[in-house]
Amino acid sequence: MNEDLFGEISVTYEDIDKWMNINAPRIRENYKESYIKNWNVIEKIKKAKKDGTFQ
């Protein structure tokens, strides 16, 4: 698990792309930003990293 200097779990753009490609592969580019925000994708990635299920 990658943590920053403040103990927060880091989420990179690559992590988001990986998550989107697996969980929402058909979302068009112009909807990705709102999808990521509205579906709390970053928090889901952090939880998965903490649980050890994000690969």
PDB file of N, CA and C in Angstrom:
ATOM      1  N   MET A   1       0.854  -1.170   0.000  1.00  0.00           N
ATOM      2  CA  MET A   1       0.000   0.000   0.000  1.00  0.00           C
ATOM      3  C   MET A   1       0.899   1.232   0.000  1.00  0.00           C
ATOM      4  N   ASN A   2       0.632   2.164  -0.898  1.00  0.00           N
ATOM      5  CA  ASN A   2       1.411   3.397  -0.986  1.00  0.00           C
ATOM      6  C   ASN A   2       0.757   4.482  -0.157  1.00  0.00           C
ATOM      7  N   GLU A   3       1.531   5.031   0.766  1.00  0.00           N
ATOM      8  CA  GLU A   3       1.038   6.137   1.574  1.00  0.00           C
ATOM      9  C   GLU A   3       1.934   7.340   1.345  1.00  0.00           C
ATOM     10  N   ASP A   4       1.335   8.537   1.412  1.00  0.00           N
ATOM     11  CA  ASP A   4       2.133   9.738   1.270  1.00  0.00           C
ATOM     12  C   ASP A   4       2.708  10.148   2.624  1.00  0.00           C
ATOM     13  N   LEU A   5       3.315  11.307   2.704  1.00  0.00           N
ATOM     14  CA  LEU A   5       3.949  11.771   3.941  1.00  0.00           C
ATOM     15  C   LEU A   5       2.965  11.969   5.084  1.00  0.00           C
ATOM     16  N   PHE A   6       1.698  12.138   4.767  1.00  0.00           N
ATOM     17  CA  PHE A   6       0.680  12.374   5.785  1.00  0.00           C
ATOM     18  C   PHE A   6      -0.085  11.106   6.158  1.00  0.00           C
ATOM     19  N   GLY A   7       0.349   9.970   5.634  1.00  0.00           N
ATOM     20  CA  GLY A   7      -0.297   8.706   5.945  1.00  0.00           C
ATOM     21  C   GLY A   7      -1.522   8.417   5.103  1.00  0.00           C
ATOM     22  N   GLU A   8      -1.780   9.247   4.097  1.00  0.00           N
ATOM     23  CA  GLU A   8      -2.911   9.025   3.195  1.00  0.00           C
ATOM     24  C   GLU A   8      -2.526   8.000   2.137  1.00  0.00           C
ATOM     25  N   ILE A   9      -3.468   7.197   1.731  1.00  0.00           N
ATOM     26  CA  ILE A   9      -3.238   6.232   0.652  1.00  0.00           C
ATOM     27  C   ILE A   9      -3.243   7.001  -0.662  1.00  0.00           C
ATOM     28  N   SER A  10      -2.178   6.854  -1.428  1.00  0.00           N
ATOM     29  CA  SER A  10      -2.069   7.608  -2.673  1.00  0.00           C
ATOM     30  C   SER A  10      -2.841   6.914  -3.796  1.00  0.00           C
ATOM     31  N   VAL A  11      -3.425   7.742  -4.651  1.00  0.00           N
ATOM     32  CA  VAL A  11      -4.142   7.259  -5.832  1.00  0.00           C
ATOM     33  C   VAL A  11      -3.589   8.022  -7.030  1.00  0.00           C
ATOM     34  N   THR A  12      -3.065   7.300  -7.991  1.00  0.00           N
ATOM     35  CA  THR A  12      -2.478   7.921  -9.175  1.00  0.00           C
ATOM     36  C   THR A  12      -3.486   7.917 -10.328  1.00  0.00           C
ATOM     37  N   TYR A  13      -3.144   8.674 -11.376  1.00  0.00           N
ATOM     38  CA  TYR A  13      -3.981   8.658 -12.573  1.00  0.00           C
ATOM     39  C   TYR A  13      -4.012   7.258 -13.176  1.00  0.00           C
ATOM     40  N   GLU A  14      -2.894   6.543 -13.067  1.00  0.00           N
ATOM     41  CA  GLU A  14      -2.852   5.169 -13.582  1.00  0.00           C
ATOM     42  C   GLU A  14      -3.809   4.266 -12.814  1.00  0.00           C
ATOM     43  N   ASP A  15      -3.899   4.481 -11.490  1.00  0.00           N
ATOM     44  CA  ASP A  15      -4.841   3.710 -10.673  1.00  0.00           C
ATOM     45  C   ASP A  15      -6.275   3.960 -11.135  1.00  0.00           C
ATOM     46  N   ILE A  16      -6.589   5.231 -11.382  1.00  0.00           N
ATOM     47  CA  ILE A  16      -7.945   5.587 -11.819  1.00  0.00           C
ATOM     48  C   ILE A  16      -8.236   4.973 -13.183  1.00  0.00           C
ATOM     49  N   ASP A  17      -7.282   5.077 -14.106  1.00  0.00           N
ATOM     50  CA  ASP A  17      -7.473   4.484 -15.435  1.00  0.00           C
ATOM     51  C   ASP A  17      -7.681   2.978 -15.346  1.00  0.00           C
ATOM     52  N   LYS A  18      -6.880   2.329 -14.506  1.00  0.00           N
ATOM     53  CA  LYS A  18      -7.000   0.879 -14.328  1.00  0.00           C
ATOM     54  C   LYS A  18      -8.386   0.524 -13.800  1.00  0.00           C
ATOM     55  N   TRP A  19      -8.835   1.245 -12.771  1.00  0.00           N
ATOM     56  CA  TRP A  19     -10.143   0.992 -12.167  1.00  0.00           C
ATOM     57  C   TRP A  19     -11.251   1.210 -13.195  1.00  0.00           C
ATOM     58  N   MET A  20     -11.160   2.329 -13.938  1.00  0.00           N
ATOM     59  CA  MET A  20     -12.186   2.648 -14.935  1.00  0.00           C
ATOM     60  C   MET A  20     -12.226   1.600 -16.045  1.00  0.00           C
ATOM     61  N   ASN A  21     -11.068   1.147 -16.490  1.00  0.00           N
ATOM     62  CA  ASN A  21     -11.027   0.149 -17.566  1.00  0.00           C
ATOM     63  C   ASN A  21     -11.649  -1.173 -17.152  1.00  0.00           C
ATOM     64  N   ILE A  22     -11.555  -1.504 -15.871  1.00  0.00           N
ATOM     65  CA  ILE A  22     -12.124  -2.756 -15.381  1.00  0.00           C
ATOM     66  C   ILE A  22     -13.598  -2.604 -15.010  1.00  0.00           C
ATOM     67  N   ASN A  23     -13.936  -1.530 -14.307  1.00  0.00           N
ATOM     68  CA  ASN A  23     -15.272  -1.385 -13.733  1.00  0.00           C
ATOM     69  C   ASN A  23     -16.254  -0.562 -14.561  1.00  0.00           C
ATOM     70  N   ALA A  24     -15.753   0.278 -15.436  1.00  0.00           N
ATOM     71  CA  ALA A  24     -16.642   1.098 -16.262  1.00  0.00           C
ATOM     72  C   ALA A  24     -16.017   1.284 -17.645  1.00  0.00           C
ATOM     73  N   PRO A  25     -15.785   0.193 -18.356  1.00  0.00           N
ATOM     74  CA  PRO A  25     -15.044   0.282 -19.620  1.00  0.00           C
ATOM     75  C   PRO A  25     -15.776   1.012 -20.746  1.00  0.00           C
ATOM     76  N   ARG A  26     -17.075   1.148 -20.635  1.00  0.00           N
ATOM     77  CA  ARG A  26     -17.836   1.752 -21.737  1.00  0.00           C
ATOM     78  C   ARG A  26     -18.165   3.230 -21.518  1.00  0.00           C
ATOM     79  N   ILE A  27     -17.673   3.794 -20.430  1.00  0.00           N
ATOM     80  CA  ILE A  27     -17.929   5.212 -20.169  1.00  0.00           C
ATOM     81  C   ILE A  27     -17.141   6.045 -21.174  1.00  0.00           C
ATOM     82  N   ARG A  28     -17.838   6.965 -21.835  1.00  0.00           N
ATOM     83  CA  ARG A  28     -17.174   7.824 -22.811  1.00  0.00           C
ATOM     84  C   ARG A  28     -16.282   8.844 -22.106  1.00  0.00           C
ATOM     85  N   GLU A  29     -15.237   9.272 -22.795  1.00  0.00           N
ATOM     86  CA  GLU A  29     -14.250  10.199 -22.233  1.00  0.00           C
ATOM     87  C   GLU A  29     -14.897  11.444 -21.634  1.00  0.00           C
ATOM     88  N   ASN A  30     -15.898  12.002 -22.305  1.00  0.00           N
ATOM     89  CA  ASN A  30     -16.498  13.244 -21.814  1.00  0.00           C
ATOM     90  C   ASN A  30     -17.350  13.041 -20.561  1.00  0.00           C
ATOM     91  N   TYR A  31     -17.610  11.813 -20.146  1.00  0.00           N
ATOM     92  CA  TYR A  31     -18.366  11.539 -18.916  1.00  0.00           C
ATOM     93  C   TYR A  31     -17.493  11.011 -17.779  1.00  0.00           C
ATOM     94  N   LYS A  32     -16.233  10.712 -18.064  1.00  0.00           N
ATOM     95  CA  LYS A  32     -15.374  10.083 -17.054  1.00  0.00           C
ATOM     96  C   LYS A  32     -15.201  10.937 -15.807  1.00  0.00           C
ATOM     97  N   GLU A  33     -14.959  12.224 -15.978  1.00  0.00           N
ATOM     98  CA  GLU A  33     -14.717  13.086 -14.818  1.00  0.00           C
ATOM     99  C   GLU A  33     -15.911  13.095 -13.868  1.00  0.00           C
ATOM    100  N   SER A  34     -17.108  13.256 -14.403  1.00  0.00           N
ATOM    101  CA  SER A  34     -18.290  13.265 -13.531  1.00  0.00           C
ATOM    102  C   SER A  34     -18.543  11.879 -12.942  1.00  0.00           C
ATOM    103  N   TYR A  35     -18.270  10.822 -13.681  1.00  0.00           N
ATOM    104  CA  TYR A  35     -18.424   9.460 -13.161  1.00  0.00           C
ATOM    105  C   TYR A  35     -17.498   9.243 -11.972  1.00  0.00           C
ATOM    106  N   ILE A  36     -16.237   9.633 -12.137  1.00  0.00           N
ATOM    107  CA  ILE A  36     -15.244   9.465 -11.068  1.00  0.00           C
ATOM    108  C   ILE A  36     -15.682  10.211  -9.819  1.00  0.00           C
ATOM    109  N   LYS A  37     -16.172  11.419  -9.995  1.00  0.00           N
ATOM    110  CA  LYS A  37     -16.613  12.231  -8.853  1.00  0.00           C
ATOM    111  C   LYS A  37     -17.893  11.671  -8.233  1.00  0.00           C
ATOM    112  N   ASN A  38     -18.895  11.423  -9.041  1.00  0.00           N
ATOM    113  CA  ASN A  38     -20.209  11.016  -8.526  1.00  0.00           C
ATOM    114  C   ASN A  38     -20.231   9.614  -7.931  1.00  0.00           C
ATOM    115  N   TRP A  39     -19.362   8.734  -8.392  1.00  0.00           N
ATOM    116  CA  TRP A  39     -19.322   7.362  -7.884  1.00  0.00           C
ATOM    117  C   TRP A  39     -18.177   7.137  -6.907  1.00  0.00           C
ATOM    118  N   ASN A  40     -17.549   8.224  -6.442  1.00  0.00           N
ATOM    119  CA  ASN A  40     -16.484   8.154  -5.424  1.00  0.00           C
ATOM    120  C   ASN A  40     -15.397   7.148  -5.784  1.00  0.00           C
ATOM    121  N   VAL A  41     -14.970   7.189  -7.024  1.00  0.00           N
ATOM    122  CA  VAL A  41     -13.985   6.224  -7.508  1.00  0.00           C
ATOM    123  C   VAL A  41     -12.687   6.294  -6.702  1.00  0.00           C
ATOM    124  N   ILE A  42     -12.234   7.483  -6.367  1.00  0.00           N
ATOM    125  CA  ILE A  42     -10.978   7.614  -5.626  1.00  0.00           C
ATOM    126  C   ILE A  42     -11.090   6.950  -4.259  1.00  0.00           C
ATOM    127  N   GLU A  43     -12.208   7.154  -3.576  1.00  0.00           N
ATOM    128  CA  GLU A  43     -12.401   6.512  -2.267  1.00  0.00           C
ATOM    129  C   GLU A  43     -12.489   4.995  -2.404  1.00  0.00           C
ATOM    130  N   LYS A  44     -13.109   4.522  -3.470  1.00  0.00           N
ATOM    131  CA  LYS A  44     -13.197   3.077  -3.697  1.00  0.00           C
ATOM    132  C   LYS A  44     -11.814   2.480  -3.938  1.00  0.00           C
ATOM    133  N   ILE A  45     -10.969   3.216  -4.663  1.00  0.00           N
ATOM    134  CA  ILE A  45      -9.609   2.738  -4.902  1.00  0.00           C
ATOM    135  C   ILE A  45      -8.833   2.705  -3.590  1.00  0.00           C
ATOM    136  N   LYS A  46      -8.958   3.757  -2.783  1.00  0.00           N
ATOM    137  CA  LYS A  46      -8.271   3.795  -1.484  1.00  0.00           C
ATOM    138  C   LYS A  46      -8.698   2.627  -0.607  1.00  0.00           C
ATOM    139  N   LYS A  47      -9.999   2.341  -0.576  1.00  0.00           N
ATOM    140  CA  LYS A  47     -10.504   1.229   0.234  1.00  0.00           C
ATOM    141  C   LYS A  47      -9.947  -0.100  -0.278  1.00  0.00           C
ATOM    142  N   ALA A  48      -9.942  -0.265  -1.595  1.00  0.00           N
ATOM    143  CA  ALA A  48      -9.422  -1.505  -2.177  1.00  0.00           C
ATOM    144  C   ALA A  48      -7.932  -1.670  -1.889  1.00  0.00           C
ATOM    145  N   LYS A  49      -7.182  -0.583  -1.943  1.00  0.00           N
ATOM    146  CA  LYS A  49      -5.755  -0.664  -1.614  1.00  0.00           C
ATOM    147  C   LYS A  49      -5.571  -1.034  -0.148  1.00  0.00           C
ATOM    148  N   LYS A  50      -6.383  -0.436   0.717  1.00  0.00           N
ATOM    149  CA  LYS A  50      -6.288  -0.727   2.148  1.00  0.00           C
ATOM    150  C   LYS A  50      -6.634  -2.189   2.430  1.00  0.00           C
ATOM    151  N   ASP A  51      -7.665  -2.702   1.748  1.00  0.00           N
ATOM    152  CA  ASP A  51      -8.098  -4.093   1.928  1.00  0.00           C
ATOM    153  C   ASP A  51      -7.172  -5.099   1.247  1.00  0.00           C
ATOM    154  N   GLY A  52      -6.308  -4.590   0.371  1.00  0.00           N
ATOM    155  CA  GLY A  52      -5.406  -5.474  -0.361  1.00  0.00           C
ATOM    156  C   GLY A  52      -6.032  -6.112  -1.578  1.00  0.00           C
ATOM    157  N   THR A  53      -7.151  -5.562  -2.053  1.00  0.00           N
ATOM    158  CA  THR A  53      -7.831  -6.142  -3.212  1.00  0.00           C
ATOM    159  C   THR A  53      -7.576  -5.375  -4.503  1.00  0.00           C
ATOM    160  N   PHE A  54      -6.854  -4.275  -4.438  1.00  0.00           N
ATOM    161  CA  PHE A  54      -6.538  -3.505  -5.649  1.00  0.00           C
ATOM    162  C   PHE A  54      -5.248  -4.038  -6.235  1.00  0.00           C
ATOM    163  N   GLN A  55      -5.308  -4.470  -7.484  1.00  0.00           N
ATOM    164  CA  GLN A  55      -4.110  -5.037  -8.112  1.00  0.00           C
ATOM    165  C   GLN A  55      -3.731  -4.262  -9.328  1.00  0.00           C
TER     166      GLN A  55
END
